[in-house]
């Protein structure tokens, strides 16, 4: 991965971690989730949770992902318990 790709990945990582409750934060997290999905780093079921939460700026998608039993790898990457 080159410097430009590294910068893009870092920017998307910051966006997927946008704090809850900020205006448009759900949409920012969803857009970043789409980036990771396209790179094969997130499964479709996990992406769907981000889509559902995209209009709910205060809704944390991670507990929902865990409740659905999806995205174990993603939860670990995010530092969120998969159990």
Protein backbone atom coordinates (compact mmCIF):
# COMPACT_ATOMS: atom_id res chain seq x y z
CA UNK A 1 0.00 0.00 0.00
CA UNK A 2 1.42 3.38 -0.97
CA UNK A 3 1.36 6.67 0.93
CA UNK A 4 -1.83 7.86 -0.75
CA UNK A 5 -3.64 4.62 0.05
CA UNK A 6 -2.34 4.79 3.63
CA UNK A 7 -3.74 8.32 4.00
CA UNK A 8 -7.09 7.26 2.55
CA UNK A 9 -7.33 4.27 4.90
CA UNK A 10 -6.42 6.48 7.89
CA UNK A 11 -9.06 9.04 6.89
CA UNK A 12 -11.72 6.36 6.51
CA UNK A 13 -10.74 4.82 9.85
CA UNK A 14 -11.24 8.22 11.51
CA UNK A 15 -14.64 8.56 9.84
CA UNK A 16 -15.86 5.09 10.86
CA UNK A 17 -14.95 6.12 14.41
CA UNK A 18 -16.79 9.46 14.26
CA UNK A 19 -18.21 10.13 17.74
CA UNK A 20 -21.85 9.32 18.28
CA UNK A 21 -24.31 12.18 18.35
CA UNK A 22 -22.49 14.55 16.02
CA UNK A 23 -24.66 15.83 13.19
CA UNK A 24 -24.30 13.58 10.12
CA UNK A 25 -22.04 11.19 12.04
CA UNK A 26 -24.17 8.16 11.16
CA UNK A 27 -23.82 8.93 7.47
CA UNK A 28 -20.06 9.48 7.84
CA UNK A 29 -19.70 6.12 9.58
CA UNK A 30 -21.74 4.41 6.87
CA UNK A 31 -19.70 5.96 4.06
CA UNK A 32 -16.50 4.81 5.74
CA UNK A 33 -18.00 1.35 6.34
CA UNK A 34 -18.68 1.12 2.60
CA UNK A 35 -14.99 1.83 1.99
CA UNK A 36 -13.97 -1.06 4.25
CA UNK A 37 -16.62 -3.33 2.73
CA UNK A 38 -15.31 -2.65 -0.78
CA UNK A 39 -11.81 -3.53 0.41
CA UNK A 40 -13.08 -6.86 1.73
CA UNK A 41 -12.50 -5.88 5.34
CA UNK A 42 -16.17 -5.97 6.35
CA UNK A 43 -18.95 -8.41 5.54
CA UNK A 44 -22.30 -7.44 4.01
CA UNK A 45 -24.30 -8.04 7.20
CA UNK A 46 -22.06 -5.67 9.15
CA UNK A 47 -22.35 -3.04 6.41
CA UNK A 48 -26.14 -3.39 6.56
CA UNK A 49 -26.10 -2.43 10.24
CA UNK A 50 -24.13 0.71 9.40
CA UNK A 51 -26.69 1.47 6.68
CA UNK A 52 -29.58 1.08 9.12
CA UNK A 53 -27.82 3.35 11.63
CA UNK A 54 -26.80 5.93 9.04
CA UNK A 55 -29.71 8.27 9.80
CA UNK A 56 -29.42 7.74 13.55
CA UNK A 57 -26.44 9.85 14.55
CA UNK A 58 -26.61 8.73 18.18
CA UNK A 59 -26.97 4.99 17.51
CA UNK A 60 -23.88 2.86 18.02
CA UNK A 61 -23.83 0.13 15.35
CA UNK A 62 -21.36 -2.08 17.24
CA UNK A 63 -23.78 -3.51 19.86
CA UNK A 64 -26.28 -4.22 17.08
CA UNK A 65 -23.62 -6.02 15.05
CA UNK A 66 -22.80 -8.12 18.11
CA UNK A 67 -26.49 -8.85 18.83
CA UNK A 68 -26.90 -10.13 15.27
CA UNK A 69 -23.88 -12.37 15.62
CA UNK A 70 -22.22 -10.68 12.65
CA UNK A 71 -18.87 -9.09 12.02
CA UNK A 72 -16.80 -10.81 14.69
CA UNK A 73 -13.57 -9.78 12.93
CA UNK A 74 -14.83 -6.20 12.56
CA UNK A 75 -15.84 -5.99 16.22
CA UNK A 76 -12.38 -7.16 17.27
CA UNK A 77 -10.76 -4.64 14.95
CA UNK A 78 -12.88 -1.90 16.50
CA UNK A 79 -11.85 -3.00 19.99
CA UNK A 80 -15.42 -4.04 20.81
CA UNK A 81 -16.09 -7.35 22.50
CA UNK A 82 -17.65 -9.86 20.13
CA UNK A 83 -19.19 -11.73 23.08
